[in-house]
Amino acid sequence: MSKYGEGVEEPYTFSGFVKLTINEEYGGKARASLQPDEARLLGLRLIRMADEAEEQEW
């Protein structure tokens, strides 16, 4: 498992985009090419959701 979670590869930049790949359990791959502002917004949303998830823990 990577530091980002199972199947999540290290993000990288290429041609002005942030590239993200997730290897799915049954051999498929999910890929995203995000513009810098989109990547920032996603990062902020993930932080907010992580905070919400922690509040739900028992």
PDB file of N, CA and C in Angstrom:
ATOM      1  N   MET A   1       0.845  -1.169   0.000  1.00  0.00           N
ATOM      2  CA  MET A   1       0.000   0.000   0.000  1.00  0.00           C
ATOM      3  C   MET A   1       0.894   1.238   0.000  1.00  0.00           C
ATOM      4  N   SER A   2       0.511   2.231  -0.799  1.00  0.00           N
ATOM      5  CA  SER A   2       1.278   3.478  -0.820  1.00  0.00           C
ATOM      6  C   SER A   2       0.877   4.349   0.368  1.00  0.00           C
ATOM      7  N   LYS A   3       1.585   5.431   0.542  1.00  0.00           N
ATOM      8  CA  LYS A   3       1.244   6.338   1.639  1.00  0.00           C
ATOM      9  C   LYS A   3      -0.087   7.045   1.414  1.00  0.00           C
ATOM     10  N   TYR A   4      -0.639   6.924   0.180  1.00  0.00           N
ATOM     11  CA  TYR A   4      -1.925   7.555  -0.140  1.00  0.00           C
ATOM     12  C   TYR A   4      -3.093   6.591  -0.034  1.00  0.00           C
ATOM     13  N   GLY A   5      -2.812   5.327   0.140  1.00  0.00           N
ATOM     14  CA  GLY A   5      -3.862   4.330   0.237  1.00  0.00           C
ATOM     15  C   GLY A   5      -3.638   3.222  -0.767  1.00  0.00           C
ATOM     16  N   GLU A   6      -4.374   2.168  -0.609  1.00  0.00           N
ATOM     17  CA  GLU A   6      -4.209   0.995  -1.458  1.00  0.00           C
ATOM     18  C   GLU A   6      -4.538   1.325  -2.916  1.00  0.00           C
ATOM     19  N   GLY A   7      -3.585   1.069  -3.795  1.00  0.00           N
ATOM     20  CA  GLY A   7      -3.795   1.262  -5.221  1.00  0.00           C
ATOM     21  C   GLY A   7      -3.579   2.672  -5.729  1.00  0.00           C
ATOM     22  N   VAL A   8      -3.355   3.625  -4.849  1.00  0.00           N
ATOM     23  CA  VAL A   8      -3.171   5.014  -5.273  1.00  0.00           C
ATOM     24  C   VAL A   8      -1.689   5.269  -5.534  1.00  0.00           C
ATOM     25  N   GLU A   9      -1.371   5.590  -6.789  1.00  0.00           N
ATOM     26  CA  GLU A   9       0.015   5.846  -7.147  1.00  0.00           C
ATOM     27  C   GLU A   9       0.409   7.282  -6.794  1.00  0.00           C
ATOM     28  N   GLU A  10       1.706   7.510  -6.751  1.00  0.00           N
ATOM     29  CA  GLU A  10       2.244   8.839  -6.472  1.00  0.00           C
ATOM     30  C   GLU A  10       1.787   9.822  -7.559  1.00  0.00           C
ATOM     31  N   PRO A  11       1.102  10.908  -7.193  1.00  0.00           N
ATOM     32  CA  PRO A  11       0.730  11.911  -8.203  1.00  0.00           C
ATOM     33  C   PRO A  11       1.986  12.550  -8.794  1.00  0.00           C
ATOM     34  N   TYR A  12       1.878  13.017 -10.030  1.00  0.00           N
ATOM     35  CA  TYR A  12       3.008  13.689 -10.676  1.00  0.00           C
ATOM     36  C   TYR A  12       2.479  14.773 -11.608  1.00  0.00           C
ATOM     37  N   THR A  13       3.365  15.631 -12.053  1.00  0.00           N
ATOM     38  CA  THR A  13       2.973  16.691 -12.981  1.00  0.00           C
ATOM     39  C   THR A  13       3.567  16.407 -14.355  1.00  0.00           C
ATOM     40  N   PHE A  14       2.803  16.784 -15.389  1.00  0.00           N
ATOM     41  CA  PHE A  14       3.252  16.611 -16.761  1.00  0.00           C
ATOM     42  C   PHE A  14       2.466  17.582 -17.645  1.00  0.00           C
ATOM     43  N   SER A  15       3.171  18.361 -18.408  1.00  0.00           N
ATOM     44  CA  SER A  15       2.559  19.304 -19.358  1.00  0.00           C
ATOM     45  C   SER A  15       1.551  20.240 -18.699  1.00  0.00           C
ATOM     46  N   GLY A  16       1.840  20.681 -17.492  1.00  0.00           N
ATOM     47  CA  GLY A  16       0.974  21.637 -16.817  1.00  0.00           C
ATOM     48  C   GLY A  16      -0.232  21.033 -16.119  1.00  0.00           C
ATOM     49  N   PHE A  17      -0.294  19.714 -16.025  1.00  0.00           N
ATOM     50  CA  PHE A  17      -1.402  19.040 -15.352  1.00  0.00           C
ATOM     51  C   PHE A  17      -0.879  18.213 -14.191  1.00  0.00           C
ATOM     52  N   VAL A  18      -1.747  17.975 -13.210  1.00  0.00           N
ATOM     53  CA  VAL A  18      -1.461  17.048 -12.128  1.00  0.00           C
ATOM     54  C   VAL A  18      -2.095  15.720 -12.532  1.00  0.00           C
ATOM     55  N   LYS A  19      -1.292  14.678 -12.574  1.00  0.00           N
ATOM     56  CA  LYS A  19      -1.749  13.360 -13.001  1.00  0.00           C
ATOM     57  C   LYS A  19      -1.900  12.458 -11.785  1.00  0.00           C
ATOM     58  N   LEU A  20      -2.999  11.726 -11.742  1.00  0.00           N
ATOM     59  CA  LEU A  20      -3.286  10.825 -10.630  1.00  0.00           C
ATOM     60  C   LEU A  20      -3.802   9.511 -11.193  1.00  0.00           C
ATOM     61  N   THR A  21      -3.262   8.407 -10.711  1.00  0.00           N
ATOM     62  CA  THR A  21      -3.687   7.077 -11.153  1.00  0.00           C
ATOM     63  C   THR A  21      -4.050   6.232  -9.947  1.00  0.00           C
ATOM     64  N   ILE A  22      -5.182   5.546 -10.057  1.00  0.00           N
ATOM     65  CA  ILE A  22      -5.619   4.612  -9.022  1.00  0.00           C
ATOM     66  C   ILE A  22      -5.791   3.252  -9.680  1.00  0.00           C
ATOM     67  N   ASN A  23      -5.080   2.265  -9.175  1.00  0.00           N
ATOM     68  CA  ASN A  23      -5.191   0.893  -9.672  1.00  0.00           C
ATOM     69  C   ASN A  23      -6.339   0.216  -8.942  1.00  0.00           C
ATOM     70  N   GLU A  24      -7.345  -0.192  -9.704  1.00  0.00           N
ATOM     71  CA  GLU A  24      -8.505  -0.824  -9.103  1.00  0.00           C
ATOM     72  C   GLU A  24      -8.221  -2.285  -8.781  1.00  0.00           C
ATOM     73  N   GLU A  25      -8.982  -2.815  -7.887  1.00  0.00           N
ATOM     74  CA  GLU A  25      -8.769  -4.167  -7.354  1.00  0.00           C
ATOM     75  C   GLU A  25      -8.731  -5.252  -8.432  1.00  0.00           C
ATOM     76  N   TYR A  26      -9.512  -5.097  -9.491  1.00  0.00           N
ATOM     77  CA  TYR A  26      -9.617  -6.153 -10.497  1.00  0.00           C
ATOM     78  C   TYR A  26      -8.895  -5.803 -11.798  1.00  0.00           C
ATOM     79  N   GLY A  27      -7.821  -5.034 -11.702  1.00  0.00           N
ATOM     80  CA  GLY A  27      -6.970  -4.785 -12.855  1.00  0.00           C
ATOM     81  C   GLY A  27      -7.242  -3.514 -13.627  1.00  0.00           C
ATOM     82  N   GLY A  28      -8.335  -2.851 -13.395  1.00  0.00           N
ATOM     83  CA  GLY A  28      -8.626  -1.601 -14.087  1.00  0.00           C
ATOM     84  C   GLY A  28      -7.850  -0.443 -13.483  1.00  0.00           C
ATOM     85  N   LYS A  29      -7.818   0.661 -14.192  1.00  0.00           N
ATOM     86  CA  LYS A  29      -7.155   1.859 -13.680  1.00  0.00           C
ATOM     87  C   LYS A  29      -8.072   3.056 -13.860  1.00  0.00           C
ATOM     88  N   ALA A  30      -8.081   3.909 -12.887  1.00  0.00           N
ATOM     89  CA  ALA A  30      -8.770   5.192 -12.979  1.00  0.00           C
ATOM     90  C   ALA A  30      -7.694   6.259 -13.054  1.00  0.00           C
ATOM     91  N   ARG A  31      -7.794   7.112 -14.055  1.00  0.00           N
ATOM     92  CA  ARG A  31      -6.793   8.160 -14.236  1.00  0.00           C
ATOM     93  C   ARG A  31      -7.473   9.510 -14.312  1.00  0.00           C
ATOM     94  N   ALA A  32      -6.795  10.513 -13.769  1.00  0.00           N
ATOM     95  CA  ALA A  32      -7.297  11.880 -13.842  1.00  0.00           C
ATOM     96  C   ALA A  32      -6.152  12.813 -14.197  1.00  0.00           C
ATOM     97  N   SER A  33      -6.450  13.755 -15.072  1.00  0.00           N
ATOM     98  CA  SER A  33      -5.525  14.839 -15.406  1.00  0.00           C
ATOM     99  C   SER A  33      -6.197  16.128 -14.967  1.00  0.00           C
ATOM    100  N   LEU A  34      -5.673  16.721 -13.925  1.00  0.00           N
ATOM    101  CA  LEU A  34      -6.302  17.895 -13.325  1.00  0.00           C
ATOM    102  C   LEU A  34      -5.477  19.146 -13.583  1.00  0.00           C
ATOM    103  N   GLN A  35      -6.169  20.231 -13.871  1.00  0.00           N
ATOM    104  CA  GLN A  35      -5.490  21.516 -13.953  1.00  0.00           C
ATOM    105  C   GLN A  35      -5.086  21.896 -12.531  1.00  0.00           C
ATOM    106  N   PRO A  36      -4.075  22.732 -12.371  1.00  0.00           N
ATOM    107  CA  PRO A  36      -3.605  23.077 -11.021  1.00  0.00           C
ATOM    108  C   PRO A  36      -4.716  23.543 -10.071  1.00  0.00           C
ATOM    109  N   ASP A  37      -5.612  24.399 -10.537  1.00  0.00           N
ATOM    110  CA  ASP A  37      -6.688  24.873  -9.654  1.00  0.00           C
ATOM    111  C   ASP A  37      -7.642  23.746  -9.278  1.00  0.00           C
ATOM    112  N   GLU A  38      -7.909  22.842 -10.202  1.00  0.00           N
ATOM    113  CA  GLU A  38      -8.766  21.695  -9.897  1.00  0.00           C
ATOM    114  C   GLU A  38      -8.112  20.798  -8.852  1.00  0.00           C
ATOM    115  N   ALA A  39      -6.807  20.588  -8.978  1.00  0.00           N
ATOM    116  CA  ALA A  39      -6.087  19.762  -8.008  1.00  0.00           C
ATOM    117  C   ALA A  39      -6.122  20.406  -6.622  1.00  0.00           C
ATOM    118  N   ARG A  40      -5.972  21.721  -6.574  1.00  0.00           N
ATOM    119  CA  ARG A  40      -6.046  22.421  -5.281  1.00  0.00           C
ATOM    120  C   ARG A  40      -7.423  22.261  -4.643  1.00  0.00           C
ATOM    121  N   LEU A  41      -8.474  22.441  -5.441  1.00  0.00           N
ATOM    122  CA  LEU A  41      -9.829  22.305  -4.918  1.00  0.00           C
ATOM    123  C   LEU A  41     -10.090  20.881  -4.433  1.00  0.00           C
ATOM    124  N   LEU A  42      -9.620  19.899  -5.187  1.00  0.00           N
ATOM    125  CA  LEU A  42      -9.785  18.508  -4.766  1.00  0.00           C
ATOM    126  C   LEU A  42      -9.052  18.264  -3.450  1.00  0.00           C
ATOM    127  N   GLY A  43      -7.837  18.770  -3.343  1.00  0.00           N
ATOM    128  CA  GLY A  43      -7.069  18.609  -2.106  1.00  0.00           C
ATOM    129  C   GLY A  43      -7.794  19.197  -0.904  1.00  0.00           C
ATOM    130  N   LEU A  44      -8.335  20.394  -1.069  1.00  0.00           N
ATOM    131  CA  LEU A  44      -9.073  21.030   0.027  1.00  0.00           C
ATOM    132  C   LEU A  44     -10.321  20.236   0.396  1.00  0.00           C
ATOM    133  N   ARG A  45     -11.009  19.714  -0.619  1.00  0.00           N
ATOM    134  CA  ARG A  45     -12.217  18.927  -0.358  1.00  0.00           C
ATOM    135  C   ARG A  45     -11.873  17.633   0.362  1.00  0.00           C
ATOM    136  N   LEU A  46     -10.785  16.996  -0.020  1.00  0.00           N
ATOM    137  CA  LEU A  46     -10.366  15.778   0.652  1.00  0.00           C
ATOM    138  C   LEU A  46     -10.011  16.038   2.111  1.00  0.00           C
ATOM    139  N   ILE A  47      -9.371  17.160   2.384  1.00  0.00           N
ATOM    140  CA  ILE A  47      -9.047  17.512   3.774  1.00  0.00           C
ATOM    141  C   ILE A  47     -10.334  17.695   4.576  1.00  0.00           C
ATOM    142  N   ARG A  48     -11.290  18.394   4.002  1.00  0.00           N
ATOM    143  CA  ARG A  48     -12.562  18.619   4.697  1.00  0.00           C
ATOM    144  C   ARG A  48     -13.275  17.292   4.968  1.00  0.00           C
ATOM    145  N   MET A  49     -13.288  16.418   3.971  1.00  0.00           N
ATOM    146  CA  MET A  49     -13.952  15.128   4.147  1.00  0.00           C
ATOM    147  C   MET A  49     -13.231  14.257   5.166  1.00  0.00           C
ATOM    148  N   ALA A  50     -11.909  14.331   5.220  1.00  0.00           N
ATOM    149  CA  ALA A  50     -11.153  13.573   6.221  1.00  0.00           C
ATOM    150  C   ALA A  50     -11.508  14.057   7.625  1.00  0.00           C
ATOM    151  N   ASP A  51     -11.644  15.368   7.784  1.00  0.00           N
ATOM    152  CA  ASP A  51     -12.054  15.915   9.080  1.00  0.00           C
ATOM    153  C   ASP A  51     -13.444  15.418   9.466  1.00  0.00           C
ATOM    154  N   GLU A  52     -14.372  15.382   8.501  1.00  0.00           N
ATOM    155  CA  GLU A  52     -15.721  14.896   8.764  1.00  0.00           C
ATOM    156  C   GLU A  52     -15.701  13.414   9.141  1.00  0.00           C
ATOM    157  N   ALA A  53     -14.870  12.644   8.460  1.00  0.00           N
ATOM    158  CA  ALA A  53     -14.783  11.212   8.756  1.00  0.00           C
ATOM    159  C   ALA A  53     -14.243  10.975  10.159  1.00  0.00           C
ATOM    160  N   GLU A  54     -13.258  11.773  10.567  1.00  0.00           N
ATOM    161  CA  GLU A  54     -12.719  11.632  11.930  1.00  0.00           C
ATOM    162  C   GLU A  54     -13.769  11.931  12.983  1.00  0.00           C
ATOM    163  N   GLU A  55     -14.644  12.899  12.705  1.00  0.00           N
ATOM    164  CA  GLU A  55     -15.692  13.236  13.655  1.00  0.00           C
ATOM    165  C   GLU A  55     -16.715  12.113  13.797  1.00  0.00           C
ATOM    166  N   GLN A  56     -16.848  11.290  12.768  1.00  0.00           N
ATOM    167  CA  GLN A  56     -17.817  10.190  12.790  1.00  0.00           C
ATOM    168  C   GLN A  56     -17.291   8.953  13.495  1.00  0.00           C
ATOM    169  N   GLU A  57     -15.975   8.900  13.731  1.00  0.00           N
ATOM    170  CA  GLU A  57     -15.410   7.723  14.392  1.00  0.00           C
ATOM    171  C   GLU A  57     -15.930   7.620  15.830  1.00  0.00           C
ATOM    172  N   TRP A  58     -16.098   6.396  16.278  1.00  0.00           N
ATOM    173  CA  TRP A  58     -16.615   6.156  17.637  1.00  0.00           C
ATOM    174  C   TRP A  58     -15.525   6.117  18.601  1.00  0.00           C
TER     175      TRP A  58
END
